[in-house]
Amino acid sequence: TGSRVDWEPVGVVAAIVPNNYPATLAAYK
């Protein structure tokens, strides 16, 4: 009792994507 967990964004993310599936892998991230 008396507890709550808030999930906050970690912040700024770098998504580094290769050329084999540039659209799908960008979406995964």
PDB file of all heavy atoms in Angstrom:
ATOM      1  N   THR A   1       0.843  -1.198   0.000  1.00  0.00           N
ATOM      2  CA  THR A   1       0.000   0.000   0.000  1.00  0.00           C
ATOM      3  C   THR A   1       0.871   1.238   0.000  1.00  0.00           C
ATOM      4  O   THR A   1       2.047   1.207   0.371  1.00  0.00           O
ATOM      5  CB  THR A   1      -0.917   0.013   1.231  1.00  0.00           C
ATOM      6  OG1 THR A   1      -0.109  -0.022   2.415  1.00  0.00           O
ATOM      7  CG2 THR A   1      -1.856  -1.185   1.222  1.00  0.00           C
ATOM      8  N   GLY A   2       0.267   2.324  -0.451  1.00  0.00           N
ATOM      9  CA  GLY A   2       0.978   3.590  -0.441  1.00  0.00           C
ATOM     10  C   GLY A   2       2.124   3.641  -1.433  1.00  0.00           C
ATOM     11  O   GLY A   2       3.122   4.318  -1.194  1.00  0.00           O
ATOM     12  N   SER A   3       2.002   2.948  -2.533  1.00  0.00           N
ATOM     13  CA  SER A   3       3.059   2.939  -3.544  1.00  0.00           C
ATOM     14  C   SER A   3       2.477   3.164  -4.936  1.00  0.00           C
ATOM     15  O   SER A   3       1.356   2.731  -5.243  1.00  0.00           O
ATOM     16  CB  SER A   3       3.819   1.613  -3.539  1.00  0.00           C
ATOM     17  OG  SER A   3       4.717   1.535  -2.463  1.00  0.00           O
ATOM     18  N   ARG A   4       3.265   3.848  -5.764  1.00  0.00           N
ATOM     19  CA  ARG A   4       2.906   4.044  -7.158  1.00  0.00           C
ATOM     20  C   ARG A   4       4.188   4.036  -7.982  1.00  0.00           C
ATOM     21  O   ARG A   4       5.225   4.533  -7.525  1.00  0.00           O
ATOM     22  CB  ARG A   4       2.186   5.381  -7.337  1.00  0.00           C
ATOM     23  CG  ARG A   4       1.671   5.609  -8.757  1.00  0.00           C
ATOM     24  CD  ARG A   4       0.994   6.959  -8.914  1.00  0.00           C
ATOM     25  NE  ARG A   4       1.967   8.036  -9.106  1.00  0.00           N
ATOM     26  CZ  ARG A   4       1.956   9.183  -8.450  1.00  0.00           C
ATOM     27  NH1 ARG A   4       1.047   9.394  -7.497  1.00  0.00           N
ATOM     28  NH2 ARG A   4       2.861  10.112  -8.702  1.00  0.00           N
ATOM     29  N   VAL A   5       4.147   3.438  -9.182  1.00  0.00           N
ATOM     30  CA  VAL A   5       5.298   3.443 -10.075  1.00  0.00           C
ATOM     31  C   VAL A   5       4.935   4.241 -11.320  1.00  0.00           C
ATOM     32  O   VAL A   5       3.981   3.915 -12.033  1.00  0.00           O
ATOM     33  CB  VAL A   5       5.723   2.017 -10.470  1.00  0.00           C
ATOM     34  CG1 VAL A   5       6.863   2.062 -11.488  1.00  0.00           C
ATOM     35  CG2 VAL A   5       6.156   1.231  -9.237  1.00  0.00           C
ATOM     36  N   ASP A   6       5.673   5.312 -11.552  1.00  0.00           N
ATOM     37  CA  ASP A   6       5.513   6.116 -12.766  1.00  0.00           C
ATOM     38  C   ASP A   6       6.631   5.752 -13.739  1.00  0.00           C
ATOM     39  O   ASP A   6       7.804   5.678 -13.336  1.00  0.00           O
ATOM     40  CB  ASP A   6       5.600   7.609 -12.447  1.00  0.00           C
ATOM     41  CG  ASP A   6       4.452   8.080 -11.573  1.00  0.00           C
ATOM     42  OD1 ASP A   6       3.391   7.420 -11.602  1.00  0.00           O
ATOM     43  OD2 ASP A   6       4.626   9.093 -10.869  1.00  0.00           O
ATOM     44  N   TRP A   7       6.268   5.535 -14.991  1.00  0.00           N
ATOM     45  CA  TRP A   7       7.267   5.241 -16.024  1.00  0.00           C
ATOM     46  C   TRP A   7       7.494   6.492 -16.852  1.00  0.00           C
ATOM     47  O   TRP A   7       6.597   6.962 -17.546  1.00  0.00           O
ATOM     48  CB  TRP A   7       6.803   4.084 -16.893  1.00  0.00           C
ATOM     49  CG  TRP A   7       6.897   2.768 -16.182  1.00  0.00           C
ATOM     50  CD1 TRP A   7       5.937   2.160 -15.429  1.00  0.00           C
ATOM     51  CD2 TRP A   7       8.040   1.916 -16.152  1.00  0.00           C
ATOM     52  NE1 TRP A   7       6.404   0.971 -14.915  1.00  0.00           N
ATOM     53  CE2 TRP A   7       7.690   0.796 -15.347  1.00  0.00           C
ATOM     54  CE3 TRP A   7       9.319   1.969 -16.713  1.00  0.00           C
ATOM     55  CZ2 TRP A   7       8.584  -0.253 -15.100  1.00  0.00           C
ATOM     56  CZ3 TRP A   7      10.200   0.932 -16.474  1.00  0.00           C
ATOM     57  CH2 TRP A   7       9.835  -0.155 -15.674  1.00  0.00           C
ATOM     58  N   GLU A   8       8.709   7.024 -16.764  1.00  0.00           N
ATOM     59  CA  GLU A   8       9.067   8.263 -17.449  1.00  0.00           C
ATOM     60  C   GLU A   8      10.005   7.970 -18.623  1.00  0.00           C
ATOM     61  O   GLU A   8      10.797   7.020 -18.569  1.00  0.00           O
ATOM     62  CB  GLU A   8       9.763   9.219 -16.472  1.00  0.00           C
ATOM     63  CG  GLU A   8       8.942   9.573 -15.241  1.00  0.00           C
ATOM     64  CD  GLU A   8       7.717  10.396 -15.591  1.00  0.00           C
ATOM     65  OE1 GLU A   8       7.709  11.035 -16.665  1.00  0.00           O
ATOM     66  OE2 GLU A   8       6.763  10.391 -14.788  1.00  0.00           O
ATOM     67  N   PRO A   9       9.939   8.772 -19.677  1.00  0.00           N
ATOM     68  CA  PRO A   9      10.839   8.552 -20.817  1.00  0.00           C
ATOM     69  C   PRO A   9      12.294   8.695 -20.416  1.00  0.00           C
ATOM     70  O   PRO A   9      12.637   9.536 -19.579  1.00  0.00           O
ATOM     71  CB  PRO A   9      10.424   9.632 -21.821  1.00  0.00           C
ATOM     72  CG  PRO A   9       9.740  10.671 -21.001  1.00  0.00           C
ATOM     73  CD  PRO A   9       9.059   9.936 -19.890  1.00  0.00           C
ATOM     74  N   VAL A  10      13.135   7.853 -21.011  1.00  0.00           N
ATOM     75  CA  VAL A  10      14.548   7.907 -20.667  1.00  0.00           C
ATOM     76  C   VAL A  10      15.183   9.189 -21.171  1.00  0.00           C
ATOM     77  O   VAL A  10      16.187   9.651 -20.624  1.00  0.00           O
ATOM     78  CB  VAL A  10      15.274   6.656 -21.214  1.00  0.00           C
ATOM     79  CG1 VAL A  10      15.391   6.686 -22.728  1.00  0.00           C
ATOM     80  CG2 VAL A  10      16.648   6.493 -20.579  1.00  0.00           C
ATOM     81  N   GLY A  11      14.616   9.800 -22.241  1.00  0.00           N
ATOM     82  CA  GLY A  11      15.148  11.072 -22.724  1.00  0.00           C
ATOM     83  C   GLY A  11      15.343  11.106 -24.225  1.00  0.00           C
ATOM     84  O   GLY A  11      14.429  10.793 -24.995  1.00  0.00           O
ATOM     85  N   VAL A  12      16.547  11.467 -24.662  1.00  0.00           N
ATOM     86  CA  VAL A  12      16.881  11.585 -26.084  1.00  0.00           C
ATOM     87  C   VAL A  12      17.539  10.289 -26.542  1.00  0.00           C
ATOM     88  O   VAL A  12      18.490   9.808 -25.919  1.00  0.00           O
ATOM     89  CB  VAL A  12      17.818  12.780 -26.341  1.00  0.00           C
ATOM     90  CG1 VAL A  12      18.181  12.870 -27.824  1.00  0.00           C
ATOM     91  CG2 VAL A  12      17.153  14.077 -25.882  1.00  0.00           C
ATOM     92  N   VAL A  13      17.020   9.733 -27.633  1.00  0.00           N
ATOM     93  CA  VAL A  13      17.457   8.427 -28.133  1.00  0.00           C
ATOM     94  C   VAL A  13      18.111   8.593 -29.504  1.00  0.00           C
ATOM     95  O   VAL A  13      17.581   9.291 -30.377  1.00  0.00           O
ATOM     96  CB  VAL A  13      16.260   7.468 -28.256  1.00  0.00           C
ATOM     97  CG1 VAL A  13      16.691   6.131 -28.848  1.00  0.00           C
ATOM     98  CG2 VAL A  13      15.589   7.275 -26.903  1.00  0.00           C
ATOM     99  N   ALA A  14      19.240   7.931 -29.702  1.00  0.00           N
ATOM    100  CA  ALA A  14      19.852   7.823 -31.035  1.00  0.00           C
ATOM    101  C   ALA A  14      19.464   6.481 -31.621  1.00  0.00           C
ATOM    102  O   ALA A  14      19.732   5.434 -31.023  1.00  0.00           O
ATOM    103  CB  ALA A  14      21.372   7.936 -30.942  1.00  0.00           C
ATOM    104  N   ALA A  15      18.811   6.496 -32.779  1.00  0.00           N
ATOM    105  CA  ALA A  15      18.419   5.275 -33.484  1.00  0.00           C
ATOM    106  C   ALA A  15      19.306   5.136 -34.710  1.00  0.00           C
ATOM    107  O   ALA A  15      19.178   5.909 -35.663  1.00  0.00           O
ATOM    108  CB  ALA A  15      16.951   5.336 -33.887  1.00  0.00           C
ATOM    109  N   ILE A  16      20.224   4.179 -34.678  1.00  0.00           N
ATOM    110  CA  ILE A  16      21.196   4.008 -35.764  1.00  0.00           C
ATOM    111  C   ILE A  16      20.758   2.815 -36.608  1.00  0.00           C
ATOM    112  O   ILE A  16      20.705   1.685 -36.130  1.00  0.00           O
ATOM    113  CB  ILE A  16      22.612   3.818 -35.199  1.00  0.00           C
ATOM    114  CG1 ILE A  16      22.971   5.018 -34.313  1.00  0.00           C
ATOM    115  CG2 ILE A  16      23.626   3.651 -36.325  1.00  0.00           C
ATOM    116  CD1 ILE A  16      24.308   4.909 -33.627  1.00  0.00           C
ATOM    117  N   VAL A  17      20.435   3.101 -37.880  1.00  0.00           N
ATOM    118  CA  VAL A  17      19.720   2.152 -38.735  1.00  0.00           C
ATOM    119  C   VAL A  17      20.578   1.795 -39.949  1.00  0.00           C
ATOM    120  O   VAL A  17      21.119   2.682 -40.606  1.00  0.00           O
ATOM    121  CB  VAL A  17      18.382   2.766 -39.201  1.00  0.00           C
ATOM    122  CG1 VAL A  17      17.607   1.789 -40.065  1.00  0.00           C
ATOM    123  CG2 VAL A  17      17.549   3.204 -38.002  1.00  0.00           C
ATOM    124  N   PRO A  18      20.704   0.494 -40.296  1.00  0.00           N
ATOM    125  CA  PRO A  18      21.478   0.083 -41.465  1.00  0.00           C
ATOM    126  C   PRO A  18      20.662   0.203 -42.754  1.00  0.00           C
ATOM    127  O   PRO A  18      19.502   0.635 -42.736  1.00  0.00           O
ATOM    128  CB  PRO A  18      21.806  -1.376 -41.157  1.00  0.00           C
ATOM    129  CG  PRO A  18      20.619  -1.850 -40.379  1.00  0.00           C
ATOM    130  CD  PRO A  18      20.165  -0.669 -39.560  1.00  0.00           C
ATOM    131  N   ASN A  19      21.277  -0.226 -43.885  1.00  0.00           N
ATOM    132  CA  ASN A  19      20.623  -0.029 -45.178  1.00  0.00           C
ATOM    133  C   ASN A  19      19.822  -1.230 -45.667  1.00  0.00           C
ATOM    134  O   ASN A  19      19.207  -1.164 -46.728  1.00  0.00           O
ATOM    135  CB  ASN A  19      21.661   0.351 -46.247  1.00  0.00           C
ATOM    136  CG  ASN A  19      22.745  -0.709 -46.434  1.00  0.00           C
ATOM    137  OD1 ASN A  19      22.480  -1.901 -46.366  1.00  0.00           O
ATOM    138  ND2 ASN A  19      23.983  -0.274 -46.671  1.00  0.00           N
ATOM    139  N   ASN A  20      19.803  -2.330 -44.924  1.00  0.00           N
ATOM    140  CA  ASN A  20      19.112  -3.507 -45.467  1.00  0.00           C
ATOM    141  C   ASN A  20      17.592  -3.405 -45.343  1.00  0.00           C
ATOM    142  O   ASN A  20      16.865  -3.798 -46.253  1.00  0.00           O
ATOM    143  CB  ASN A  20      19.633  -4.797 -44.819  1.00  0.00           C
ATOM    144  CG  ASN A  20      19.493  -4.816 -43.322  1.00  0.00           C
ATOM    145  OD1 ASN A  20      19.547  -3.777 -42.658  1.00  0.00           O
ATOM    146  ND2 ASN A  20      19.324  -6.006 -42.760  1.00  0.00           N
ATOM    147  N   TYR A  21      17.104  -2.890 -44.217  1.00  0.00           N
ATOM    148  CA  TYR A  21      15.676  -2.636 -44.029  1.00  0.00           C
ATOM    149  C   TYR A  21      15.518  -1.262 -43.380  1.00  0.00           C
ATOM    150  O   TYR A  21      15.159  -1.155 -42.202  1.00  0.00           O
ATOM    151  CB  TYR A  21      15.036  -3.734 -43.176  1.00  0.00           C
ATOM    152  CG  TYR A  21      14.829  -5.022 -43.940  1.00  0.00           C
ATOM    153  CD1 TYR A  21      15.792  -6.029 -43.918  1.00  0.00           C
ATOM    154  CD2 TYR A  21      13.689  -5.226 -44.700  1.00  0.00           C
ATOM    155  CE1 TYR A  21      15.618  -7.200 -44.640  1.00  0.00           C
ATOM    156  CE2 TYR A  21      13.502  -6.392 -45.425  1.00  0.00           C
ATOM    157  CZ  TYR A  21      14.456  -7.377 -45.385  1.00  0.00           C
ATOM    158  OH  TYR A  21      14.284  -8.530 -46.105  1.00  0.00           O
ATOM    159  N   PRO A  22      15.782  -0.207 -44.120  1.00  0.00           N
ATOM    160  CA  PRO A  22      15.847   1.130 -43.499  1.00  0.00           C
ATOM    161  C   PRO A  22      14.522   1.624 -42.956  1.00  0.00           C
ATOM    162  O   PRO A  22      14.506   2.408 -41.995  1.00  0.00           O
ATOM    163  CB  PRO A  22      16.344   2.020 -44.640  1.00  0.00           C
ATOM    164  CG  PRO A  22      16.000   1.276 -45.893  1.00  0.00           C
ATOM    165  CD  PRO A  22      16.110  -0.168 -45.557  1.00  0.00           C
ATOM    166  N   ALA A  23      13.398   1.193 -43.524  1.00  0.00           N
ATOM    167  CA  ALA A  23      12.099   1.636 -43.019  1.00  0.00           C
ATOM    168  C   ALA A  23      11.672   0.824 -41.804  1.00  0.00           C
ATOM    169  O   ALA A  23      11.331   1.376 -40.751  1.00  0.00           O
ATOM    170  CB  ALA A  23      11.043   1.538 -44.130  1.00  0.00           C
ATOM    171  N   THR A  24      11.689  -0.504 -41.933  1.00  0.00           N
ATOM    172  CA  THR A  24      11.224  -1.355 -40.844  1.00  0.00           C
ATOM    173  C   THR A  24      12.085  -1.199 -39.592  1.00  0.00           C
ATOM    174  O   THR A  24      11.567  -1.092 -38.478  1.00  0.00           O
ATOM    175  CB  THR A  24      11.217  -2.828 -41.279  1.00  0.00           C
ATOM    176  OG1 THR A  24      10.417  -2.953 -42.455  1.00  0.00           O
ATOM    177  CG2 THR A  24      10.658  -3.715 -40.200  1.00  0.00           C
ATOM    178  N   LEU A  25      13.407  -1.194 -39.765  1.00  0.00           N
ATOM    179  CA  LEU A  25      14.275  -1.109 -38.595  1.00  0.00           C
ATOM    180  C   LEU A  25      14.186   0.259 -37.924  1.00  0.00           C
ATOM    181  O   LEU A  25      14.342   0.362 -36.703  1.00  0.00           O
ATOM    182  CB  LEU A  25      15.716  -1.441 -38.994  1.00  0.00           C
ATOM    183  CG  LEU A  25      15.927  -2.901 -39.425  1.00  0.00           C
ATOM    184  CD1 LEU A  25      17.359  -3.129 -39.885  1.00  0.00           C
ATOM    185  CD2 LEU A  25      15.572  -3.859 -38.296  1.00  0.00           C
ATOM    186  N   ALA A  26      13.925   1.306 -38.711  1.00  0.00           N
ATOM    187  CA  ALA A  26      13.668   2.612 -38.093  1.00  0.00           C
ATOM    188  C   ALA A  26      12.400   2.558 -37.256  1.00  0.00           C
ATOM    189  O   ALA A  26      12.329   3.111 -36.148  1.00  0.00           O
ATOM    190  CB  ALA A  26      13.554   3.691 -39.165  1.00  0.00           C
ATOM    191  N   ALA A  27      11.371   1.851 -37.764  1.00  0.00           N
ATOM    192  CA  ALA A  27      10.120   1.725 -37.015  1.00  0.00           C
ATOM    193  C   ALA A  27      10.313   0.939 -35.730  1.00  0.00           C
ATOM    194  O   ALA A  27       9.721   1.275 -34.693  1.00  0.00           O
ATOM    195  CB  ALA A  27       9.063   1.048 -37.888  1.00  0.00           C
ATOM    196  N   TYR A  28      11.132  -0.127 -35.777  1.00  0.00           N
ATOM    197  CA  TYR A  28      11.390  -0.918 -34.567  1.00  0.00           C
ATOM    198  C   TYR A  28      11.920  -0.046 -33.440  1.00  0.00           C
ATOM    199  O   TYR A  28      11.675  -0.323 -32.260  1.00  0.00           O
ATOM    200  CB  TYR A  28      12.426  -2.006 -34.853  1.00  0.00           C
ATOM    201  CG  TYR A  28      11.943  -3.181 -35.676  1.00  0.00           C
ATOM    202  CD1 TYR A  28      10.635  -3.250 -36.163  1.00  0.00           C
ATOM    203  CD2 TYR A  28      12.805  -4.218 -35.981  1.00  0.00           C
ATOM    204  CE1 TYR A  28      10.216  -4.330 -36.919  1.00  0.00           C
ATOM    205  CE2 TYR A  28      12.388  -5.311 -36.739  1.00  0.00           C
ATOM    206  CZ  TYR A  28      11.096  -5.354 -37.213  1.00  0.00           C
ATOM    207  OH  TYR A  28      10.694  -6.416 -37.960  1.00  0.00           O
ATOM    208  N   LYS A  29      12.667   0.994 -33.783  1.00  0.00           N
ATOM    209  CA  LYS A  29      13.286   1.846 -32.775  1.00  0.00           C
ATOM    210  C   LYS A  29      12.416   3.078 -32.459  1.00  0.00           C
ATOM    211  O   LYS A  29      12.182   3.417 -31.303  1.00  0.00           O
ATOM    212  CB  LYS A  29      14.668   2.280 -33.258  1.00  0.00           C
ATOM    213  CG  LYS A  29      15.576   1.103 -33.576  1.00  0.00           C
ATOM    214  CD  LYS A  29      16.872   1.541 -34.244  1.00  0.00           C
ATOM    215  CE  LYS A  29      17.663   0.344 -34.757  1.00  0.00           C
ATOM    216  NZ  LYS A  29      17.934  -0.674 -33.742  1.00  0.00           N
TER     217      LYS A  29
END
